Every structure is written in structure tokens, then in C-alpha cells.
Amino acid sequence: MYSDPKRVRQHRHMLRLDDYEQALVEALADYQGEPVATILRQLALRQAAALLSADPAASVSRGTP
């Protein structure tokens, strides 16, 4: 079915949001016409790519921009 079996999305991660964050994400998902999970995955991957390409000396764990 998949040409690359590593592309199958089988890994899960827990994300907890408060009511305001959830409302914001749901509003964005409604506006885009996408499921909330798709929006969150896109945002997470976009941010990860930006962090990796921005500054090799910056560390996510240190919280430096």
C-alpha cells in the first residue's frame, strides 16, 4: 500500500491544551477545513524544521530562540 513503510504514521504523542489554546486550534482547523490533528502535526513539523535550520548552536532544551 505504501511505497515507503516508514511513512506510515504510527507514532503518537500526547499534547495537553487549556480551553483557550484548544479554542484557537479548533478555530484555525475550522478556518483551514482540516482536522485538528492535521493542523497540530503541520505546526509541530514546521516549527521543528525552523528550529533545526535557524541556528545550529541553539538548543530546544535550553529554550534559547
N, C-alpha and C. Protein backbone atom coordinates (compact mmCIF):
# COMPACT_ATOMS: atom_id res chain seq x y z
N MET A 1 0.82 -1.19 0.00
CA MET A 1 0.00 0.00 0.00
C MET A 1 0.87 1.25 0.00
N TYR A 2 1.85 1.31 0.89
CA TYR A 2 2.77 2.45 0.93
C TYR A 2 4.07 2.05 0.24
N SER A 3 4.59 2.93 -0.59
CA SER A 3 5.86 2.63 -1.23
C SER A 3 7.01 2.66 -0.23
N ASP A 4 6.86 3.47 0.83
CA ASP A 4 7.86 3.52 1.90
C ASP A 4 7.15 3.24 3.22
N PRO A 5 7.38 2.07 3.81
CA PRO A 5 6.67 1.72 5.05
C PRO A 5 6.98 2.66 6.22
N LYS A 6 8.07 3.39 6.16
CA LYS A 6 8.39 4.32 7.24
C LYS A 6 7.51 5.57 7.20
N ARG A 7 6.75 5.75 6.13
CA ARG A 7 5.84 6.90 6.02
C ARG A 7 4.50 6.65 6.71
N VAL A 8 4.27 5.44 7.17
CA VAL A 8 3.03 5.12 7.88
C VAL A 8 3.07 5.84 9.23
N ARG A 9 2.04 6.60 9.53
CA ARG A 9 2.00 7.36 10.79
C ARG A 9 1.51 6.45 11.90
N GLN A 10 2.46 5.95 12.68
CA GLN A 10 2.11 5.03 13.75
C GLN A 10 2.58 5.50 15.11
N HIS A 11 3.32 6.60 15.18
CA HIS A 11 3.83 7.11 16.45
C HIS A 11 2.89 8.19 16.98
N ARG A 12 2.57 8.08 18.27
CA ARG A 12 1.65 9.04 18.90
C ARG A 12 2.36 9.81 19.99
N HIS A 13 1.94 11.05 20.18
CA HIS A 13 2.46 11.89 21.25
C HIS A 13 1.29 12.61 21.92
N MET A 14 1.40 12.77 23.22
CA MET A 14 0.34 13.43 23.99
C MET A 14 0.59 14.93 24.01
N LEU A 15 -0.46 15.69 23.80
CA LEU A 15 -0.39 17.14 23.87
C LEU A 15 -1.59 17.61 24.68
N ARG A 16 -1.35 18.36 25.73
CA ARG A 16 -2.44 18.88 26.55
C ARG A 16 -2.56 20.39 26.34
N LEU A 17 -3.78 20.83 26.07
CA LEU A 17 -4.06 22.25 25.84
C LEU A 17 -5.10 22.72 26.84
N ASP A 18 -5.01 24.01 27.19
CA ASP A 18 -6.08 24.56 28.02
C ASP A 18 -7.24 24.97 27.11
N ASP A 19 -8.31 25.46 27.69
CA ASP A 19 -9.51 25.79 26.92
C ASP A 19 -9.24 26.85 25.86
N TYR A 20 -8.41 27.85 26.18
CA TYR A 20 -8.13 28.93 25.24
C TYR A 20 -7.27 28.43 24.07
N GLU A 21 -6.27 27.63 24.36
CA GLU A 21 -5.42 27.06 23.32
C GLU A 21 -6.24 26.14 22.41
N GLN A 22 -7.10 25.34 23.01
CA GLN A 22 -7.95 24.43 22.23
C GLN A 22 -8.88 25.21 21.32
N ALA A 23 -9.46 26.28 21.83
CA ALA A 23 -10.35 27.10 21.01
C ALA A 23 -9.61 27.71 19.83
N LEU A 24 -8.39 28.15 20.06
CA LEU A 24 -7.58 28.73 18.99
C LEU A 24 -7.27 27.69 17.92
N VAL A 25 -6.86 26.51 18.34
CA VAL A 25 -6.53 25.44 17.39
C VAL A 25 -7.78 25.00 16.63
N GLU A 26 -8.90 24.88 17.32
CA GLU A 26 -10.14 24.49 16.65
C GLU A 26 -10.59 25.56 15.64
N ALA A 27 -10.42 26.83 16.00
CA ALA A 27 -10.78 27.90 15.07
C ALA A 27 -9.90 27.85 13.82
N LEU A 28 -8.61 27.61 14.02
CA LEU A 28 -7.70 27.50 12.88
C LEU A 28 -8.06 26.30 12.01
N ALA A 29 -8.37 25.18 12.65
CA ALA A 29 -8.74 23.97 11.91
C ALA A 29 -10.04 24.20 11.12
N ASP A 30 -11.01 24.86 11.74
CA ASP A 30 -12.26 25.17 11.05
C ASP A 30 -12.02 26.09 9.86
N TYR A 31 -11.17 27.09 10.06
CA TYR A 31 -10.86 28.05 9.00
C TYR A 31 -10.17 27.36 7.83
N GLN A 32 -9.25 26.44 8.14
CA GLN A 32 -8.50 25.74 7.10
C GLN A 32 -9.28 24.57 6.51
N GLY A 33 -10.33 24.13 7.21
CA GLY A 33 -11.09 22.98 6.75
C GLY A 33 -10.34 21.68 6.91
N GLU A 34 -9.49 21.61 7.93
CA GLU A 34 -8.68 20.43 8.21
C GLU A 34 -8.99 19.91 9.60
N PRO A 35 -8.72 18.65 9.87
CA PRO A 35 -8.86 18.14 11.24
C PRO A 35 -7.83 18.77 12.17
N VAL A 36 -8.16 18.86 13.44
CA VAL A 36 -7.26 19.46 14.43
C VAL A 36 -5.92 18.74 14.43
N ALA A 37 -5.92 17.42 14.37
CA ALA A 37 -4.67 16.66 14.40
C ALA A 37 -3.77 17.03 13.23
N THR A 38 -4.33 17.26 12.06
CA THR A 38 -3.55 17.64 10.89
C THR A 38 -2.91 19.01 11.11
N ILE A 39 -3.67 19.95 11.64
CA ILE A 39 -3.16 21.29 11.92
C ILE A 39 -2.01 21.21 12.92
N LEU A 40 -2.21 20.45 14.00
CA LEU A 40 -1.16 20.35 15.02
C LEU A 40 0.09 19.69 14.47
N ARG A 41 -0.06 18.65 13.65
CA ARG A 41 1.10 18.00 13.05
C ARG A 41 1.85 18.97 12.14
N GLN A 42 1.13 19.72 11.32
CA GLN A 42 1.76 20.68 10.43
C GLN A 42 2.51 21.76 11.21
N LEU A 43 1.88 22.28 12.27
CA LEU A 43 2.52 23.30 13.09
C LEU A 43 3.78 22.77 13.78
N ALA A 44 3.69 21.56 14.33
CA ALA A 44 4.83 20.98 15.02
C ALA A 44 5.99 20.74 14.06
N LEU A 45 5.70 20.18 12.89
CA LEU A 45 6.77 19.90 11.94
C LEU A 45 7.36 21.17 11.35
N ARG A 46 6.54 22.18 11.13
CA ARG A 46 7.04 23.46 10.62
C ARG A 46 7.97 24.11 11.65
N GLN A 47 7.57 24.08 12.92
CA GLN A 47 8.39 24.67 13.98
C GLN A 47 9.69 23.89 14.16
N ALA A 48 9.63 22.57 14.09
CA ALA A 48 10.82 21.74 14.22
C ALA A 48 11.81 22.03 13.09
N ALA A 49 11.31 22.14 11.87
CA ALA A 49 12.17 22.44 10.73
C ALA A 49 12.79 23.83 10.88
N ALA A 50 12.03 24.80 11.36
CA ALA A 50 12.55 26.15 11.55
C ALA A 50 13.64 26.16 12.61
N LEU A 51 13.43 25.43 13.70
CA LEU A 51 14.44 25.38 14.75
C LEU A 51 15.72 24.71 14.27
N LEU A 52 15.59 23.66 13.51
CA LEU A 52 16.76 22.94 13.03
C LEU A 52 17.54 23.74 12.00
N SER A 53 16.87 24.55 11.22
CA SER A 53 17.56 25.31 10.17
C SER A 53 18.03 26.69 10.63
N ALA A 54 17.53 27.16 11.77
CA ALA A 54 17.83 28.53 12.20
C ALA A 54 19.26 28.70 12.71
N ASP A 55 19.58 28.09 13.82
CA ASP A 55 20.87 28.30 14.45
C ASP A 55 21.35 26.98 15.03
N PRO A 56 22.43 26.43 14.48
CA PRO A 56 22.89 25.14 14.97
C PRO A 56 23.33 25.18 16.44
N ALA A 57 23.68 26.34 16.96
CA ALA A 57 24.10 26.45 18.35
C ALA A 57 22.92 26.52 19.31
N ALA A 58 21.74 26.87 18.80
CA ALA A 58 20.55 26.99 19.65
C ALA A 58 20.07 25.60 20.05
N SER A 59 19.55 25.52 21.25
CA SER A 59 19.06 24.23 21.74
C SER A 59 17.62 24.38 22.20
N VAL A 60 16.80 23.44 21.82
CA VAL A 60 15.41 23.46 22.23
C VAL A 60 15.32 23.27 23.74
N SER A 61 16.14 22.39 24.29
CA SER A 61 16.06 22.12 25.73
C SER A 61 16.47 23.32 26.58
N ARG A 62 17.35 24.16 26.05
CA ARG A 62 17.75 25.36 26.79
C ARG A 62 16.74 26.48 26.65
N GLY A 63 15.87 26.36 25.66
CA GLY A 63 14.85 27.38 25.48
C GLY A 63 15.37 28.64 24.84
N THR A 64 16.51 28.58 24.17
CA THR A 64 17.05 29.75 23.51
C THR A 64 16.42 29.93 22.14
N PRO A 65 16.12 31.18 21.76
CA PRO A 65 15.49 31.41 20.46
C PRO A 65 16.43 31.20 19.30
